Each structure stands twice: as structure tokens, then as C-alpha cells.
C-alpha atoms as a PDB file:
ATOM      1  CA  UNK A   1     -20.961  -8.703  19.708  1.00  0.00           C
ATOM      2  CA  UNK A   2     -20.791  -7.053  16.301  1.00  0.00           C
ATOM      3  CA  UNK A   3     -23.826  -6.518  14.076  1.00  0.00           C
ATOM      4  CA  UNK A   4     -23.638  -8.345  10.745  1.00  0.00           C
ATOM      5  CA  UNK A   5     -23.002  -6.073   7.736  1.00  0.00           C
ATOM      6  CA  UNK A   6     -23.805  -2.761   9.377  1.00  0.00           C
ATOM      7  CA  UNK A   7     -22.752   0.528   7.736  1.00  0.00           C
ATOM      8  CA  UNK A   8     -21.164   2.885  10.284  1.00  0.00           C
ATOM      9  CA  UNK A   9     -19.154   6.118  10.396  1.00  0.00           C
ATOM     10  CA  UNK A  10     -15.594   6.483  11.665  1.00  0.00           C
ATOM     11  CA  UNK A  11     -17.004   7.900  14.917  1.00  0.00           C
ATOM     12  CA  UNK A  12     -19.307   4.915  15.305  1.00  0.00           C
ATOM     13  CA  UNK A  13     -16.423   2.526  14.690  1.00  0.00           C
ATOM     14  CA  UNK A  14     -14.160   4.175  17.253  1.00  0.00           C
ATOM     15  CA  UNK A  15     -16.941   4.013  19.827  1.00  0.00           C
ATOM     16  CA  UNK A  16     -17.285   0.277  19.195  1.00  0.00           C
ATOM     17  CA  UNK A  17     -13.522  -0.329  19.353  1.00  0.00           C
ATOM     18  CA  UNK A  18     -13.325   1.208  22.824  1.00  0.00           C
ATOM     19  CA  UNK A  19     -14.907  -2.008  24.181  1.00  0.00           C
ATOM     20  CA  UNK A  20     -12.062  -4.184  22.846  1.00  0.00           C
ATOM     21  CA  UNK A  21      -8.309  -4.540  23.339  1.00  0.00           C
ATOM     22  CA  UNK A  22      -6.789  -5.270  19.938  1.00  0.00           C
ATOM     23  CA  UNK A  23      -2.996  -5.266  19.910  1.00  0.00           C
ATOM     24  CA  UNK A  24      -2.442  -4.101  16.320  1.00  0.00           C
ATOM     25  CA  UNK A  25      -4.187  -2.772  13.213  1.00  0.00           C
ATOM     26  CA  UNK A  26      -3.891  -4.553   9.857  1.00  0.00           C
ATOM     27  CA  UNK A  27      -4.436  -2.609   6.624  1.00  0.00           C
ATOM     28  CA  UNK A  28      -5.342  -4.274   3.320  1.00  0.00           C
ATOM     29  CA  UNK A  29      -6.898  -3.233   0.016  1.00  0.00           C
ATOM     30  CA  UNK A  30      -9.488  -5.341  -1.752  1.00  0.00           C
ATOM     31  CA  UNK A  31      -7.714  -4.938  -5.152  1.00  0.00           C
ATOM     32  CA  UNK A  32     -10.979  -6.283  -6.592  1.00  0.00           C
ATOM     33  CA  UNK A  33     -13.500  -4.756  -6.459  1.00  0.00           C
ATOM     34  CA  UNK A  34     -11.730  -1.514  -7.306  1.00  0.00           C
ATOM     35  CA  UNK A  35     -13.433   1.906  -7.258  1.00  0.00           C
ATOM     36  CA  UNK A  36     -14.672   1.661 -10.854  1.00  0.00           C
ATOM     37  CA  UNK A  37     -16.346  -1.694 -10.206  1.00  0.00           C
ATOM     38  CA  UNK A  38     -17.813  -0.508  -6.903  1.00  0.00           C
ATOM     39  CA  UNK A  39     -19.370   2.630  -8.372  1.00  0.00           C
ATOM     40  CA  UNK A  40     -21.123   0.597 -11.078  1.00  0.00           C
ATOM     41  CA  UNK A  41     -23.158  -0.816  -8.182  1.00  0.00           C
ATOM     42  CA  UNK A  42     -22.500   1.429  -5.154  1.00  0.00           C
ATOM     43  CA  UNK A  43     -24.236  -0.860  -2.680  1.00  0.00           C
ATOM     44  CA  UNK A  44     -21.907  -1.548   0.280  1.00  0.00           C
ATOM     45  CA  UNK A  45     -23.995  -4.421   1.603  1.00  0.00           C
ATOM     46  CA  UNK A  46     -23.964  -6.149  -1.793  1.00  0.00           C
ATOM     47  CA  UNK A  47     -20.171  -6.081  -1.967  1.00  0.00           C
ATOM     48  CA  UNK A  48     -19.748  -7.089   1.676  1.00  0.00           C
ATOM     49  CA  UNK A  49     -22.012 -10.099   1.117  1.00  0.00           C
ATOM     50  CA  UNK A  50     -20.053 -10.984  -2.033  1.00  0.00           C
ATOM     51  CA  UNK A  51     -16.760 -10.871  -0.125  1.00  0.00           C
ATOM     52  CA  UNK A  52     -18.204 -12.974   2.675  1.00  0.00           C
ATOM     53  CA  UNK A  53     -19.371 -15.602   0.166  1.00  0.00           C
ATOM     54  CA  UNK A  54     -15.966 -15.669  -1.512  1.00  0.00           C
ATOM     55  CA  UNK A  55     -14.105 -16.010   1.780  1.00  0.00           C
ATOM     56  CA  UNK A  56     -16.344 -18.839   2.940  1.00  0.00           C
ATOM     57  CA  UNK A  57     -16.818 -20.742  -0.317  1.00  0.00           C
ATOM     58  CA  UNK A  58     -13.425 -20.210  -1.982  1.00  0.00           C
ATOM     59  CA  UNK A  59     -11.080 -19.775   0.980  1.00  0.00           C
ATOM     60  CA  UNK A  60     -12.885 -22.198   3.267  1.00  0.00           C
ATOM     61  CA  UNK A  61     -13.098 -19.719   6.146  1.00  0.00           C
ATOM     62  CA  UNK A  62     -16.094 -19.770   8.486  1.00  0.00           C
ATOM     63  CA  UNK A  63     -16.741 -16.030   7.986  1.00  0.00           C
ATOM     64  CA  UNK A  64     -15.510 -12.975   6.127  1.00  0.00           C
ATOM     65  CA  UNK A  65     -11.828 -12.374   6.863  1.00  0.00           C
ATOM     66  CA  UNK A  66     -11.863  -8.698   7.871  1.00  0.00           C
ATOM     67  CA  UNK A  67     -13.550  -6.960  10.788  1.00  0.00           C
ATOM     68  CA  UNK A  68     -14.544  -3.957   8.655  1.00  0.00           C
ATOM     69  CA  UNK A  69     -14.470  -2.825   5.028  1.00  0.00           C
ATOM     70  CA  UNK A  70     -13.596   0.845   4.407  1.00  0.00           C
ATOM     71  CA  UNK A  71     -15.736   2.319   1.608  1.00  0.00           C
ATOM     72  CA  UNK A  72     -14.692   5.082  -0.849  1.00  0.00           C
ATOM     73  CA  UNK A  73     -17.027   7.519   0.945  1.00  0.00           C
ATOM     74  CA  UNK A  74     -15.239   7.019   4.267  1.00  0.00           C
ATOM     75  CA  UNK A  75     -17.837   4.820   5.945  1.00  0.00           C
ATOM     76  CA  UNK A  76     -17.240   1.262   7.134  1.00  0.00           C
ATOM     77  CA  UNK A  77     -19.180  -1.992   6.839  1.00  0.00           C
ATOM     78  CA  UNK A  78     -18.821  -4.352   9.776  1.00  0.00           C
ATOM     79  CA  UNK A  79     -17.815  -7.922   9.016  1.00  0.00           C
ATOM     80  CA  UNK A  80     -16.241 -10.497  11.319  1.00  0.00           C
ATOM     81  CA  UNK A  81     -17.131 -10.204  14.996  1.00  0.00           C
ATOM     82  CA  UNK A  82     -14.711  -7.762  16.651  1.00  0.00           C
ATOM     83  CA  UNK A  83     -14.023 -10.244  19.429  1.00  0.00           C
ATOM     84  CA  UNK A  84     -12.688 -12.892  17.028  1.00  0.00           C
ATOM     85  CA  UNK A  85      -9.252 -12.974  15.413  1.00  0.00           C
ATOM     86  CA  UNK A  86      -9.295 -12.089  11.696  1.00  0.00           C
ATOM     87  CA  UNK A  87      -8.105 -14.110   8.713  1.00  0.00           C
ATOM     88  CA  UNK A  88      -5.642 -11.357   7.899  1.00  0.00           C
ATOM     89  CA  UNK A  89      -1.847 -11.889   8.053  1.00  0.00           C
ATOM     90  CA  UNK A  90      -0.373 -15.295   8.830  1.00  0.00           C
ATOM     91  CA  UNK A  91       1.448 -15.293  12.149  1.00  0.00           C
ATOM     92  CA  UNK A  92      -0.014 -11.963  13.271  1.00  0.00           C
ATOM     93  CA  UNK A  93      -3.747 -12.584  13.576  1.00  0.00           C
ATOM     94  CA  UNK A  94      -3.972 -13.001  17.343  1.00  0.00           C
ATOM     95  CA  UNK A  95      -5.870 -10.006  18.791  1.00  0.00           C
ATOM     96  CA  UNK A  96      -5.428  -8.025  15.566  1.00  0.00           C
ATOM     97  CA  UNK A  97      -8.068  -5.788  13.977  1.00  0.00           C
ATOM     98  CA  UNK A  98      -8.278  -6.149  10.189  1.00  0.00           C
ATOM     99  CA  UNK A  99      -9.476  -3.536   7.685  1.00  0.00           C
ATOM    100  CA  UNK A 100     -10.049  -4.065   3.959  1.00  0.00           C
ATOM    101  CA  UNK A 101      -9.968  -0.713   2.171  1.00  0.00           C
ATOM    102  CA  UNK A 102     -12.186  -1.068  -0.861  1.00  0.00           C
ATOM    103  CA  UNK A 103     -10.123  -0.203  -3.923  1.00  0.00           C
ATOM    104  CA  UNK A 104      -6.954  -0.956  -5.845  1.00  0.00           C
ATOM    105  CA  UNK A 105      -4.251   1.326  -4.464  1.00  0.00           C
ATOM    106  CA  UNK A 106      -1.354   0.054  -6.550  1.00  0.00           C
ATOM    107  CA  UNK A 107       0.477   2.776  -8.486  1.00  0.00           C
ATOM    108  CA  UNK A 108      -1.594   4.120 -11.376  1.00  0.00           C
ATOM    109  CA  UNK A 109      -4.873   2.700 -10.113  1.00  0.00           C
ATOM    110  CA  UNK A 110      -7.348   4.194  -7.591  1.00  0.00           C
ATOM    111  CA  UNK A 111      -6.362   7.387  -5.747  1.00  0.00           C
ATOM    112  CA  UNK A 112      -6.000   6.995  -2.000  1.00  0.00           C
ATOM    113  CA  UNK A 113      -7.471  10.292  -0.848  1.00  0.00           C
ATOM    114  CA  UNK A 114     -10.611  12.121   0.268  1.00  0.00           C
ATOM    115  CA  UNK A 115     -13.026  10.674   2.841  1.00  0.00           C
ATOM    116  CA  UNK A 116     -11.584   7.176   2.491  1.00  0.00           C
ATOM    117  CA  UNK A 117      -8.067   8.289   3.371  1.00  0.00           C
ATOM    118  CA  UNK A 118      -9.359  10.479   6.179  1.00  0.00           C
ATOM    119  CA  UNK A 119     -11.100   7.520   7.841  1.00  0.00           C
ATOM    120  CA  UNK A 120      -8.005   5.329   7.432  1.00  0.00           C
ATOM    121  CA  UNK A 121      -5.826   8.034   9.000  1.00  0.00           C
ATOM    122  CA  UNK A 122      -8.219   8.595  11.912  1.00  0.00           C
ATOM    123  CA  UNK A 123      -8.517   4.866  12.590  1.00  0.00           C
ATOM    124  CA  UNK A 124      -4.747   4.375  12.483  1.00  0.00           C
ATOM    125  CA  UNK A 125      -4.308   7.432  14.740  1.00  0.00           C
ATOM    126  CA  UNK A 126      -6.691   5.880  17.286  1.00  0.00           C
ATOM    127  CA  UNK A 127      -4.565   2.699  17.404  1.00  0.00           C
ATOM    128  CA  UNK A 128      -1.235   4.541  17.303  1.00  0.00           C
ATOM    129  CA  UNK A 129      -2.131   6.791  20.241  1.00  0.00           C
ATOM    130  CA  UNK A 130      -2.749   3.640  22.278  1.00  0.00           C
ATOM    131  CA  UNK A 131       0.680   2.256  21.421  1.00  0.00           C
ATOM    132  CA  UNK A 132      -0.692  -0.331  18.998  1.00  0.00           C
ATOM    133  CA  UNK A 133       1.269  -1.312  15.893  1.00  0.00           C
ATOM    134  CA  UNK A 134      -0.038  -0.385  12.418  1.00  0.00           C
ATOM    135  CA  UNK A 135       0.846  -3.269  10.100  1.00  0.00           C
ATOM    136  CA  UNK A 136       0.649  -3.098   6.296  1.00  0.00           C
ATOM    137  CA  UNK A 137      -0.032  -6.525   4.784  1.00  0.00           C
ATOM    138  CA  UNK A 138       3.101  -6.332   2.609  1.00  0.00           C
ATOM    139  CA  UNK A 139       5.337  -6.121   5.692  1.00  0.00           C
ATOM    140  CA  UNK A 140       4.678  -9.792   6.380  1.00  0.00           C
ATOM    141  CA  UNK A 141       3.746 -11.208   2.947  1.00  0.00           C
ATOM    142  CA  UNK A 142       5.003 -11.079  -0.639  1.00  0.00           C
ATOM    143  CA  UNK A 143       2.313  -8.613  -1.743  1.00  0.00           C
ATOM    144  CA  UNK A 144       1.945  -4.898  -2.496  1.00  0.00           C
ATOM    145  CA  UNK A 145      -1.104  -4.738  -0.187  1.00  0.00           C
ATOM    146  CA  UNK A 146      -2.517  -2.265   0.883  1.00  0.00           C
ATOM    147  CA  UNK A 147      -1.253  -0.807  -2.401  1.00  0.00           C
ATOM    148  CA  UNK A 148       2.116   0.209  -3.808  1.00  0.00           C
ATOM    149  CA  UNK A 149       0.990   3.852  -4.032  1.00  0.00           C
ATOM    150  CA  UNK A 150       0.684   4.064  -0.231  1.00  0.00           C
ATOM    151  CA  UNK A 151       4.062   4.798   1.332  1.00  0.00           C
ATOM    152  CA  UNK A 152       4.029   3.668   4.949  1.00  0.00           C
ATOM    153  CA  UNK A 153       6.453   6.344   6.157  1.00  0.00           C
ATOM    154  CA  UNK A 154       4.282   9.095   4.665  1.00  0.00           C
ATOM    155  CA  UNK A 155       1.121   7.432   5.949  1.00  0.00           C
ATOM    156  CA  UNK A 156       2.420   7.235   9.512  1.00  0.00           C
ATOM    157  CA  UNK A 157       3.673  10.810   9.327  1.00  0.00           C
ATOM    158  CA  UNK A 158       0.105  11.922   8.567  1.00  0.00           C
ATOM    159  CA  UNK A 159      -1.226   9.660  11.314  1.00  0.00           C
ATOM    160  CA  UNK A 160       1.011  11.368  13.857  1.00  0.00           C
ATOM    161  CA  UNK A 161       0.818  15.006  12.751  1.00  0.00           C
ATOM    162  CA  UNK A 162      -2.701  15.406  14.194  1.00  0.00           C
ATOM    163  CA  UNK A 163      -3.970  17.417  11.214  1.00  0.00           C
ATOM    164  CA  UNK A 164      -7.463  16.544   9.944  1.00  0.00           C
ATOM    165  CA  UNK A 165      -6.914  18.090   6.515  1.00  0.00           C
ATOM    166  CA  UNK A 166      -9.167  15.581   4.760  1.00  0.00           C
ATOM    167  CA  UNK A 167     -12.260  16.625   6.663  1.00  0.00           C
ATOM    168  CA  UNK A 168     -14.939  18.462   4.712  1.00  0.00           C
ATOM    169  CA  UNK A 169     -17.592  20.416   6.616  1.00  0.00           C
ATOM    170  CA  UNK A 170     -21.256  19.642   6.113  1.00  0.00           C
ATOM    171  CA  UNK A 171     -22.766  22.429   4.005  1.00  0.00           C
ATOM    172  CA  UNK A 172     -26.389  23.470   3.707  1.00  0.00           C
ATOM    173  CA  UNK A 173     -28.466  26.487   2.762  1.00  0.00           C
ATOM    174  CA  UNK A 174     -27.119  29.482   4.691  1.00  0.00           C
ATOM    175  CA  UNK A 175     -23.513  28.214   4.813  1.00  0.00           C
ATOM    176  CA  UNK A 176     -20.823  30.678   3.737  1.00  0.00           C
ATOM    177  CA  UNK A 177     -17.124  30.694   3.037  1.00  0.00           C
ATOM    178  CA  UNK A 178     -14.355  29.317   0.845  1.00  0.00           C
ATOM    179  CA  UNK A 179     -15.632  25.740   1.002  1.00  0.00           C
ATOM    180  CA  UNK A 180     -18.969  26.905  -0.408  1.00  0.00           C
ATOM    181  CA  UNK A 181     -17.045  28.574  -3.246  1.00  0.00           C
ATOM    182  CA  UNK A 182     -15.283  25.267  -3.954  1.00  0.00           C
ATOM    183  CA  UNK A 183     -18.657  23.510  -3.952  1.00  0.00           C
ATOM    184  CA  UNK A 184     -20.200  26.051  -6.336  1.00  0.00           C
ATOM    185  CA  UNK A 185     -17.208  25.859  -8.672  1.00  0.00           C
ATOM    186  CA  UNK A 186     -17.383  22.051  -8.760  1.00  0.00           C
ATOM    187  CA  UNK A 187     -21.132  22.039  -9.436  1.00  0.00           C
ATOM    188  CA  UNK A 188     -20.766  24.586 -12.236  1.00  0.00           C
ATOM    189  CA  UNK A 189     -17.954  22.577 -13.848  1.00  0.00           C
ATOM    190  CA  UNK A 190     -20.173  19.502 -13.757  1.00  0.00           C
ATOM    191  CA  UNK A 191     -23.026  21.370 -15.476  1.00  0.00           C
ATOM    192  CA  UNK A 192     -25.224  21.937 -12.429  1.00  0.00           C
ATOM    193  CA  UNK A 193     -26.106  25.623 -12.359  1.00  0.00           C
ATOM    194  CA  UNK A 194     -25.058  26.763  -8.886  1.00  0.00           C
ATOM    195  CA  UNK A 195     -24.910  30.407  -9.941  1.00  0.00           C
ATOM    196  CA  UNK A 196     -22.173  32.886  -9.073  1.00  0.00           C
ATOM    197  CA  UNK A 197     -19.189  31.506  -7.154  1.00  0.00           C
ATOM    198  CA  UNK A 198     -19.695  33.881  -4.233  1.00  0.00           C
ATOM    199  CA  UNK A 199     -19.339  31.591  -1.223  1.00  0.00           C
ATOM    200  CA  UNK A 200     -23.011  31.969  -0.256  1.00  0.00           C
ATOM    201  CA  UNK A 201     -25.094  28.770  -0.151  1.00  0.00           C
ATOM    202  CA  UNK A 202     -28.401  30.135  -1.432  1.00  0.00           C
ATOM    203  CA  UNK A 203     -31.402  28.779  -3.394  1.00  0.00           C
ATOM    204  CA  UNK A 204     -29.474  28.273  -6.663  1.00  0.00           C
ATOM    205  CA  UNK A 205     -26.707  26.317  -4.957  1.00  0.00           C
ATOM    206  CA  UNK A 206     -29.246  24.217  -3.061  1.00  0.00           C
ATOM    207  CA  UNK A 207     -31.124  23.467  -6.288  1.00  0.00           C
ATOM    208  CA  UNK A 208     -27.866  22.458  -8.001  1.00  0.00           C
ATOM    209  CA  UNK A 209     -26.936  20.183  -5.088  1.00  0.00           C
ATOM    210  CA  UNK A 210     -30.338  18.458  -5.228  1.00  0.00           C
ATOM    211  CA  UNK A 211     -30.016  17.981  -8.993  1.00  0.00           C
ATOM    212  CA  UNK A 212     -26.554  16.462  -8.519  1.00  0.00           C
ATOM    213  CA  UNK A 213     -27.826  14.198  -5.737  1.00  0.00           C
ATOM    214  CA  UNK A 214     -30.706  13.019  -7.904  1.00  0.00           C
ATOM    215  CA  UNK A 215     -28.376  12.218 -10.810  1.00  0.00           C
ATOM    216  CA  UNK A 216     -26.112  10.243  -8.461  1.00  0.00           C
ATOM    217  CA  UNK A 217     -28.931   8.375  -6.679  1.00  0.00           C
ATOM    218  CA  UNK A 218     -28.343  10.108  -3.342  1.00  0.00           C
ATOM    219  CA  UNK A 219     -30.897  11.430  -0.878  1.00  0.00           C
ATOM    220  CA  UNK A 220     -32.100  14.724  -2.377  1.00  0.00           C
ATOM    221  CA  UNK A 221     -31.945  16.863   0.758  1.00  0.00           C
ATOM    222  CA  UNK A 222     -29.698  19.648  -0.543  1.00  0.00           C
ATOM    223  CA  UNK A 223     -27.211  18.982   2.260  1.00  0.00           C
ATOM    224  CA  UNK A 224     -23.589  18.339   1.313  1.00  0.00           C
ATOM    225  CA  UNK A 225     -22.296  15.681   3.703  1.00  0.00           C
ATOM    226  CA  UNK A 226     -19.728  12.855   3.326  1.00  0.00           C
ATOM    227  CA  UNK A 227     -21.653  10.918   0.662  1.00  0.00           C
ATOM    228  CA  UNK A 228     -22.265  13.963  -1.532  1.00  0.00           C
ATOM    229  CA  UNK A 229     -18.662  15.139  -1.105  1.00  0.00           C
ATOM    230  CA  UNK A 230     -17.403  11.692  -2.147  1.00  0.00           C
ATOM    231  CA  UNK A 231     -19.666  11.644  -5.227  1.00  0.00           C
ATOM    232  CA  UNK A 232     -18.564  15.180  -6.187  1.00  0.00           C
ATOM    233  CA  UNK A 233     -14.913  14.206  -5.816  1.00  0.00           C
ATOM    234  CA  UNK A 234     -15.416  11.181  -8.082  1.00  0.00           C
ATOM    235  CA  UNK A 235     -17.320  13.218 -10.686  1.00  0.00           C
ATOM    236  CA  UNK A 236     -14.696  15.972 -10.821  1.00  0.00           C
ATOM    237  CA  UNK A 237     -11.876  13.435 -11.247  1.00  0.00           C
ATOM    238  CA  UNK A 238     -13.785  11.852 -14.142  1.00  0.00           C
ATOM    239  CA  UNK A 239     -14.028  15.140 -16.060  1.00  0.00           C
ATOM    240  CA  UNK A 240     -12.093  15.243 -19.325  1.00  0.00           C
ATOM    241  CA  UNK A 241      -9.470  18.006 -19.563  1.00  0.00           C
ATOM    242  CA  UNK A 242     -10.604  21.238 -21.171  1.00  0.00           C
ATOM    243  CA  UNK A 243      -9.026  20.557 -24.574  1.00  0.00           C
ATOM    244  CA  UNK A 244      -9.664  24.083 -25.799  1.00  0.00           C
ATOM    245  CA  UNK A 245      -7.824  25.713 -22.912  1.00  0.00           C
ATOM    246  CA  UNK A 246      -4.946  23.228 -23.195  1.00  0.00           C
ATOM    247  CA  UNK A 247      -4.505  23.966 -26.906  1.00  0.00           C
ATOM    248  CA  UNK A 248      -4.741  27.687 -26.208  1.00  0.00           C
ATOM    249  CA  UNK A 249      -2.021  27.431 -23.565  1.00  0.00           C
ATOM    250  CA  UNK A 250       0.240  25.396 -25.856  1.00  0.00           C
ATOM    251  CA  UNK A 251      -0.204  27.946 -28.644  1.00  0.00           C
ATOM    252  CA  UNK A 252       0.654  30.749 -26.230  1.00  0.00           C
ATOM    253  CA  UNK A 253       3.841  28.949 -25.134  1.00  0.00           C
ATOM    254  CA  UNK A 254       4.783  28.223 -28.738  1.00  0.00           C
ATOM    255  CA  UNK A 255       4.449  31.892 -29.678  1.00  0.00           C
ATOM    256  CA  UNK A 256       6.545  32.964 -26.686  1.00  0.00           C
ATOM    257  CA  UNK A 257       9.213  30.421 -27.633  1.00  0.00           C
ATOM    258  CA  UNK A 258       9.348  31.758 -31.189  1.00  0.00           C
ATOM    259  CA  UNK A 259       9.656  35.302 -29.835  1.00  0.00           C
ATOM    260  CA  UNK A 260      12.537  34.320 -27.527  1.00  0.00           C
ATOM    261  CA  UNK A 261      14.346  32.493 -30.358  1.00  0.00           C
ATOM    262  CA  UNK A 262      13.930  35.536 -32.601  1.00  0.00           C
ATOM    263  CA  UNK A 263      15.402  37.789 -29.918  1.00  0.00           C
ATOM    264  CA  UNK A 264      18.356  35.423 -29.479  1.00  0.00           C
ATOM    265  CA  UNK A 265      19.045  35.526 -33.228  1.00  0.00           C
ATOM    266  CA  UNK A 266      18.956  39.339 -33.206  1.00  0.00           C
ATOM    267  CA  UNK A 267      21.412  39.449 -30.288  1.00  0.00           C
ATOM    268  CA  UNK A 268      23.773  37.062 -32.098  1.00  0.00           C
ATOM    269  CA  UNK A 269      23.651  39.224 -35.221  1.00  0.00           C
ATOM    270  CA  UNK A 270      24.430  42.373 -33.263  1.00  0.00           C
ATOM    271  CA  UNK A 271      27.373  40.722 -31.533  1.00  0.00           C
ATOM    272  CA  UNK A 272      28.854  39.470 -34.801  1.00  0.00           C
ATOM    273  CA  UNK A 273      29.011  42.924 -36.348  1.00  0.00           C
END
């Protein structure tokens, strides 16, 4: 039996799935709520309860349609009992496992990347290695679901290449390396004073991490795990471009263009003599 509305990691989910024998994996996106709406109230249990109410009261189903909801931070919320067929794709529900990826992944909307994509890839890889079919909703319905920005060929290529390039290590005081440099650079860009970008997770970096966690309503433990990485990724993407540097670059290119045009004119003059 599956616990009602329980937040779990990808590892926890795969451990649970080992007890079942689903014949295929269904991938959907919620469309609404999208990432912007979710992060206004980043409470996974609130949104799971809202989806369950909608499915029961508006669709007339006896429970939420999906087995799990995949959150932007890469965690899952359990929904329908894993032993029951989902309300997922007409004609293909028998012994299927249904996932709703929270977000709107149509072109130009939410990015499908980071911890959320990593968990989707790892889950699909688990099914694929067992010879189970990975079915996008749009394959069997007139929809773009799970999002027109997600190309199935590219998705399956990543599922089968075995590379876990979306994984971010957990960082804490004493950590060293290039990932720490990336962390320090991100914190500094966001206005949290992490100090010199030297790849050493010391007191200043820890203090900056805690300040960032406090501002984003995360546990202030100074440890950079999946939730903090996801919040950092969102904050960096929300940054406005550095207008000053853009203008400076455009001016530089304009001056070079003028110089090249001047040289061309001089060459033409010399050839005409």
C-alpha cells in the first residue's frame, strides 16, 4: 500500500517500485500549476491536495489520477495507490505507472532541467532497463503533454546513455572543488557575500548559504543539498541581464565594425588609384 501524500526522493521511489510490476511508464505535465504558480506557495502537499480535489470533484474520479507528482526540486509526492491503475491515458491504463511533472513544459514556458529532469531521467531509466515502455501522453492523445519542449527522441537518448550529468553533489563546510566555485559565484551574483571564488567552502560561504536559505524559507543548516540547489537555480534564472555589460559589449562591437568598414574603404581607395 502507498502512503497518502508522502514526499519522497527518487531513491525512495525506486525502492517502492521494486515491489510492483508495472508494464509501462506514463509521463505528463500539470500545465497548471506551472513553476511560477508553484513557487508562490512552494508547499507540495498543498498542491497535491488541490489536484486530488480537482480530480475527484471535477473529473468524477475516486482519487487523484497520478501515482506520483514530480516537483521542481526533483522530489516526488505520492498520490494514487501504486497497486491501482491510474487515470492517465485512455486505453493504456492497465498496469501503468503515471507521473505528473509539475510545470508547463510547452515551448517558451518552464525549463525542463535541473533536479526535476534528473529525477525524470532516472525514473525512466529504471523502467527502460526492465524493458518497460516509456509513453508520453501526446503519443496517444491530441495534446502536447508532457510539453512540446520535450523531444522524446532526445529524452530517451539521455535515458539510455547512462550519464548522470544532472546530479549535483551535496556541499558543506570543508568541501572543495569546481562545484564549490560555481556555488560561490552564484551566491555572489545573487548578493550573498560568499567571499573569494576559490573553491573552498569556508565560513564566509557557509554564512552566505545560510542567508540564502533563510531568504528562501529553507532549513538554515548551511548544507547545499537538492532543495538549496533547486532554489539557487531558480534564483539565478530570475536574474535580470547585466545591462551595463551588454551595452558595453555592443559598443565594443560597434567600434570594431566601424574600424573594419574604414579599413575596407581605404583598401578600395588604394585599388582605384
